[in-house]
Amino acid sequence: MIFLIISLIRTSLFQHPWVQLPQIIKSIRPDQKDKGYYLVKEVNGMIKIFYYNEEGKETLIRETDIAFSLLSVADQTLFRKGVIRHTPEELDELLQDFES
């Protein structure tokens, strides 16, 4: 099962070379391996939220109002790599820290 998940993630990430596979795999909690997750990342200067379902299919959820250019260098690096959240509550917590 884990091989299937890694294969699906790897396939969907080939479209996004700026997201590093080892980072993504480390971020997926063992109790969430059979579930989807949210990926918050910078794309063309905008912070976007994607949802990856159990099969690795990517869906754009929305573009945020976060001003990428005004973020600290550390936060820019974080969003370039991508930030994974497993639940809507975790996603809301992350976004509250950055959205005005």
N, C-alpha and C. Protein backbone atom coordinates (compact mmCIF):
# COMPACT_ATOMS: atom_id res chain seq x y z
N MET A 1 0.82 -1.19 0.00
CA MET A 1 0.00 0.00 0.00
C MET A 1 0.86 1.25 0.00
N ILE A 2 1.90 1.26 0.82
CA ILE A 2 2.78 2.44 0.87
C ILE A 2 3.45 2.65 -0.47
N PHE A 3 3.85 1.58 -1.15
CA PHE A 3 4.46 1.71 -2.47
C PHE A 3 3.51 2.40 -3.43
N LEU A 4 2.23 2.03 -3.37
CA LEU A 4 1.22 2.64 -4.24
C LEU A 4 1.11 4.13 -3.95
N ILE A 5 1.06 4.49 -2.69
CA ILE A 5 0.96 5.91 -2.31
C ILE A 5 2.17 6.68 -2.81
N ILE A 6 3.36 6.14 -2.59
CA ILE A 6 4.58 6.81 -3.05
C ILE A 6 4.57 6.95 -4.57
N SER A 7 4.13 5.91 -5.26
CA SER A 7 4.06 5.98 -6.72
C SER A 7 3.10 7.06 -7.17
N LEU A 8 1.95 7.14 -6.51
CA LEU A 8 0.97 8.16 -6.89
C LEU A 8 1.48 9.56 -6.60
N ILE A 9 2.11 9.72 -5.45
CA ILE A 9 2.66 11.03 -5.11
C ILE A 9 3.76 11.40 -6.09
N ARG A 10 4.63 10.46 -6.38
CA ARG A 10 5.73 10.72 -7.30
C ARG A 10 5.19 11.12 -8.67
N THR A 11 4.16 10.42 -9.15
CA THR A 11 3.56 10.74 -10.44
C THR A 11 3.00 12.15 -10.45
N SER A 12 2.26 12.54 -9.42
CA SER A 12 1.66 13.87 -9.41
C SER A 12 2.72 14.95 -9.22
N LEU A 13 3.84 14.63 -8.58
CA LEU A 13 4.86 15.64 -8.34
C LEU A 13 5.76 15.88 -9.55
N PHE A 14 5.76 14.96 -10.50
CA PHE A 14 6.55 15.22 -11.69
C PHE A 14 6.08 16.49 -12.39
N GLN A 15 4.83 16.85 -12.20
CA GLN A 15 4.30 18.08 -12.77
C GLN A 15 4.84 19.29 -12.02
N HIS A 16 5.36 19.10 -10.82
CA HIS A 16 5.80 20.20 -9.97
C HIS A 16 7.21 19.91 -9.46
N PRO A 17 8.24 20.14 -10.26
CA PRO A 17 9.59 19.78 -9.85
C PRO A 17 10.11 20.56 -8.65
N TRP A 18 9.48 21.68 -8.29
CA TRP A 18 9.95 22.45 -7.15
C TRP A 18 9.53 21.83 -5.83
N VAL A 19 8.66 20.84 -5.85
CA VAL A 19 8.27 20.14 -4.62
C VAL A 19 9.15 18.91 -4.51
N GLN A 20 9.83 18.78 -3.39
CA GLN A 20 10.78 17.68 -3.23
C GLN A 20 10.08 16.47 -2.63
N LEU A 21 10.17 15.34 -3.32
CA LEU A 21 9.50 14.11 -2.90
C LEU A 21 9.87 13.69 -1.47
N PRO A 22 11.15 13.65 -1.09
CA PRO A 22 11.45 13.22 0.29
C PRO A 22 10.78 14.11 1.33
N GLN A 23 10.70 15.41 1.07
CA GLN A 23 10.04 16.33 1.99
C GLN A 23 8.57 15.98 2.13
N ILE A 24 7.91 15.68 1.03
CA ILE A 24 6.49 15.34 1.04
C ILE A 24 6.27 14.04 1.80
N ILE A 25 7.06 13.03 1.51
CA ILE A 25 6.88 11.72 2.15
C ILE A 25 7.09 11.82 3.65
N LYS A 26 8.10 12.58 4.09
CA LYS A 26 8.35 12.75 5.52
C LYS A 26 7.18 13.46 6.20
N SER A 27 6.49 14.31 5.46
CA SER A 27 5.43 15.12 6.05
C SER A 27 4.11 14.38 6.18
N ILE A 28 3.96 13.25 5.53
CA ILE A 28 2.71 12.51 5.60
C ILE A 28 2.75 11.62 6.84
N ARG A 29 1.86 11.89 7.76
CA ARG A 29 1.83 11.14 9.01
C ARG A 29 1.36 9.72 8.75
N PRO A 30 1.86 8.75 9.54
CA PRO A 30 1.45 7.36 9.35
C PRO A 30 -0.06 7.16 9.42
N ASP A 31 -0.74 7.91 10.29
CA ASP A 31 -2.19 7.74 10.41
C ASP A 31 -2.96 8.39 9.26
N GLN A 32 -2.25 9.07 8.36
CA GLN A 32 -2.89 9.77 7.24
C GLN A 32 -2.51 9.17 5.88
N LYS A 33 -1.77 8.08 5.87
CA LYS A 33 -1.26 7.55 4.60
C LYS A 33 -2.34 7.13 3.63
N ASP A 34 -3.51 6.73 4.12
CA ASP A 34 -4.60 6.32 3.24
C ASP A 34 -5.58 7.45 2.98
N LYS A 35 -5.22 8.67 3.37
CA LYS A 35 -6.13 9.80 3.23
C LYS A 35 -5.47 10.88 2.38
N GLY A 36 -6.27 11.83 1.94
CA GLY A 36 -5.74 12.94 1.18
C GLY A 36 -5.06 13.94 2.09
N TYR A 37 -4.47 14.96 1.47
CA TYR A 37 -3.80 16.01 2.22
C TYR A 37 -3.83 17.31 1.43
N TYR A 38 -3.57 18.39 2.12
CA TYR A 38 -3.50 19.71 1.51
C TYR A 38 -2.04 20.10 1.34
N LEU A 39 -1.74 20.72 0.23
CA LEU A 39 -0.39 21.23 -0.02
C LEU A 39 -0.52 22.71 -0.32
N VAL A 40 0.14 23.53 0.49
CA VAL A 40 0.14 24.98 0.32
C VAL A 40 1.51 25.34 -0.24
N LYS A 41 1.52 25.96 -1.43
CA LYS A 41 2.81 26.24 -2.06
C LYS A 41 2.74 27.48 -2.95
N GLU A 42 3.92 28.00 -3.22
CA GLU A 42 4.06 29.16 -4.09
C GLU A 42 4.08 28.70 -5.54
N VAL A 43 3.27 29.35 -6.36
CA VAL A 43 3.25 29.08 -7.79
C VAL A 43 3.18 30.44 -8.49
N ASN A 44 4.21 30.76 -9.24
CA ASN A 44 4.26 32.03 -9.98
C ASN A 44 4.00 33.24 -9.09
N GLY A 45 4.60 33.25 -7.90
CA GLY A 45 4.48 34.39 -7.01
C GLY A 45 3.21 34.44 -6.19
N MET A 46 2.38 33.42 -6.28
CA MET A 46 1.14 33.37 -5.50
C MET A 46 1.14 32.12 -4.64
N ILE A 47 0.53 32.23 -3.47
CA ILE A 47 0.39 31.06 -2.60
C ILE A 47 -0.94 30.40 -2.93
N LYS A 48 -0.85 29.13 -3.33
CA LYS A 48 -2.06 28.39 -3.72
C LYS A 48 -2.22 27.17 -2.83
N ILE A 49 -3.47 26.74 -2.69
CA ILE A 49 -3.78 25.57 -1.87
C ILE A 49 -4.29 24.47 -2.80
N PHE A 50 -3.64 23.32 -2.72
CA PHE A 50 -4.02 22.16 -3.51
C PHE A 50 -4.45 21.05 -2.57
N TYR A 51 -5.36 20.23 -3.05
CA TYR A 51 -5.75 19.04 -2.31
C TYR A 51 -5.35 17.83 -3.14
N TYR A 52 -4.69 16.88 -2.50
CA TYR A 52 -4.32 15.62 -3.14
C TYR A 52 -5.17 14.53 -2.50
N ASN A 53 -5.98 13.86 -3.31
CA ASN A 53 -6.83 12.80 -2.77
C ASN A 53 -6.01 11.53 -2.54
N GLU A 54 -6.69 10.48 -2.09
CA GLU A 54 -6.02 9.21 -1.77
C GLU A 54 -5.29 8.62 -2.97
N GLU A 55 -5.74 8.97 -4.17
CA GLU A 55 -5.13 8.43 -5.39
C GLU A 55 -4.05 9.35 -5.94
N GLY A 56 -3.77 10.46 -5.25
CA GLY A 56 -2.73 11.37 -5.69
C GLY A 56 -3.19 12.42 -6.69
N LYS A 57 -4.49 12.49 -6.94
CA LYS A 57 -5.01 13.47 -7.90
C LYS A 57 -5.00 14.85 -7.26
N GLU A 58 -4.41 15.80 -7.97
CA GLU A 58 -4.28 17.17 -7.49
C GLU A 58 -5.48 18.02 -7.91
N THR A 59 -6.00 18.80 -6.96
CA THR A 59 -7.09 19.72 -7.24
C THR A 59 -6.73 21.07 -6.62
N LEU A 60 -6.78 22.13 -7.41
CA LEU A 60 -6.56 23.46 -6.88
C LEU A 60 -7.78 23.85 -6.07
N ILE A 61 -7.58 24.15 -4.80
CA ILE A 61 -8.67 24.55 -3.91
C ILE A 61 -8.90 26.04 -4.05
N ARG A 62 -7.82 26.83 -3.90
CA ARG A 62 -7.95 28.28 -4.05
C ARG A 62 -6.60 28.95 -4.04
N GLU A 63 -6.60 30.19 -4.48
CA GLU A 63 -5.44 31.06 -4.36
C GLU A 63 -5.66 31.92 -3.13
N THR A 64 -4.61 32.12 -2.35
CA THR A 64 -4.76 32.90 -1.12
C THR A 64 -4.47 34.37 -1.39
N ASP A 65 -4.68 35.17 -0.35
CA ASP A 65 -4.36 36.60 -0.40
C ASP A 65 -2.99 36.87 0.21
N ILE A 66 -2.23 35.84 0.46
CA ILE A 66 -0.92 35.99 1.09
C ILE A 66 0.03 36.64 0.08
N ALA A 67 0.64 37.74 0.48
CA ALA A 67 1.59 38.45 -0.39
C ALA A 67 2.95 37.78 -0.29
N PHE A 68 3.24 36.90 -1.24
CA PHE A 68 4.48 36.12 -1.21
C PHE A 68 5.71 37.02 -1.14
N SER A 69 5.71 38.09 -1.90
CA SER A 69 6.88 38.98 -1.95
C SER A 69 7.15 39.67 -0.61
N LEU A 70 6.15 39.75 0.26
CA LEU A 70 6.33 40.40 1.56
C LEU A 70 6.71 39.43 2.67
N LEU A 71 6.73 38.14 2.36
CA LEU A 71 7.11 37.14 3.36
C LEU A 71 8.61 37.18 3.61
N SER A 72 9.00 36.71 4.78
CA SER A 72 10.43 36.60 5.09
C SER A 72 11.07 35.58 4.15
N VAL A 73 12.37 35.63 4.04
CA VAL A 73 13.10 34.69 3.19
C VAL A 73 12.82 33.25 3.65
N ALA A 74 12.79 33.05 4.96
CA ALA A 74 12.53 31.70 5.49
C ALA A 74 11.14 31.21 5.09
N ASP A 75 10.14 32.09 5.20
CA ASP A 75 8.79 31.69 4.82
C ASP A 75 8.66 31.49 3.32
N GLN A 76 9.36 32.29 2.54
CA GLN A 76 9.34 32.10 1.08
C GLN A 76 9.92 30.73 0.73
N THR A 77 11.01 30.38 1.38
CA THR A 77 11.62 29.06 1.15
C THR A 77 10.65 27.95 1.54
N LEU A 78 9.98 28.12 2.66
CA LEU A 78 9.00 27.14 3.13
C LEU A 78 7.91 26.92 2.10
N PHE A 79 7.33 28.00 1.58
CA PHE A 79 6.24 27.87 0.62
C PHE A 79 6.72 27.43 -0.76
N ARG A 80 7.96 27.72 -1.10
CA ARG A 80 8.48 27.20 -2.37
C ARG A 80 8.56 25.67 -2.32
N LYS A 81 8.95 25.14 -1.16
CA LYS A 81 9.04 23.68 -1.01
C LYS A 81 7.66 23.06 -0.89
N GLY A 82 6.74 23.79 -0.28
CA GLY A 82 5.39 23.28 -0.06
C GLY A 82 5.19 22.87 1.38
N VAL A 83 4.03 23.20 1.92
CA VAL A 83 3.69 22.88 3.30
C VAL A 83 2.48 21.96 3.27
N ILE A 84 2.60 20.82 3.91
CA ILE A 84 1.50 19.84 3.95
C ILE A 84 0.71 20.00 5.23
N ARG A 85 -0.60 19.95 5.09
CA ARG A 85 -1.51 19.90 6.22
C ARG A 85 -2.50 18.78 5.93
N HIS A 86 -2.88 18.06 6.97
CA HIS A 86 -3.70 16.86 6.79
C HIS A 86 -5.19 17.06 6.99
N THR A 87 -5.55 18.12 7.70
CA THR A 87 -6.97 18.36 7.97
C THR A 87 -7.31 19.81 7.65
N PRO A 88 -8.59 20.08 7.45
CA PRO A 88 -9.00 21.48 7.24
C PRO A 88 -8.63 22.37 8.44
N GLU A 89 -8.67 21.81 9.63
CA GLU A 89 -8.32 22.59 10.83
C GLU A 89 -6.84 22.97 10.82
N GLU A 90 -5.98 22.03 10.47
CA GLU A 90 -4.55 22.33 10.37
C GLU A 90 -4.29 23.36 9.28
N LEU A 91 -5.00 23.25 8.19
CA LEU A 91 -4.87 24.20 7.09
C LEU A 91 -5.28 25.60 7.55
N ASP A 92 -6.39 25.69 8.24
CA ASP A 92 -6.86 26.99 8.75
C ASP A 92 -5.85 27.63 9.69
N GLU A 93 -5.25 26.81 10.57
CA GLU A 93 -4.23 27.33 11.50
C GLU A 93 -3.06 27.93 10.74
N LEU A 94 -2.60 27.23 9.72
CA LEU A 94 -1.48 27.73 8.92
C LEU A 94 -1.84 29.04 8.24
N LEU A 95 -2.98 29.08 7.62
CA LEU A 95 -3.39 30.26 6.87
C LEU A 95 -3.64 31.46 7.77
N GLN A 96 -4.14 31.23 8.98
CA GLN A 96 -4.37 32.33 9.91
C GLN A 96 -3.08 33.04 10.28
N ASP A 97 -1.98 32.30 10.26
CA ASP A 97 -0.68 32.89 10.58
C ASP A 97 -0.18 33.84 9.49
N PHE A 98 -0.69 33.67 8.26
CA PHE A 98 -0.15 34.42 7.14
C PHE A 98 -1.14 35.35 6.45
N GLU A 99 -2.42 35.03 6.49
CA GLU A 99 -3.40 35.89 5.82
C GLU A 99 -3.79 37.04 6.73
N SER A 100 -4.10 38.18 6.10
CA SER A 100 -4.48 39.34 6.91
C SER A 100 -5.96 39.42 7.10
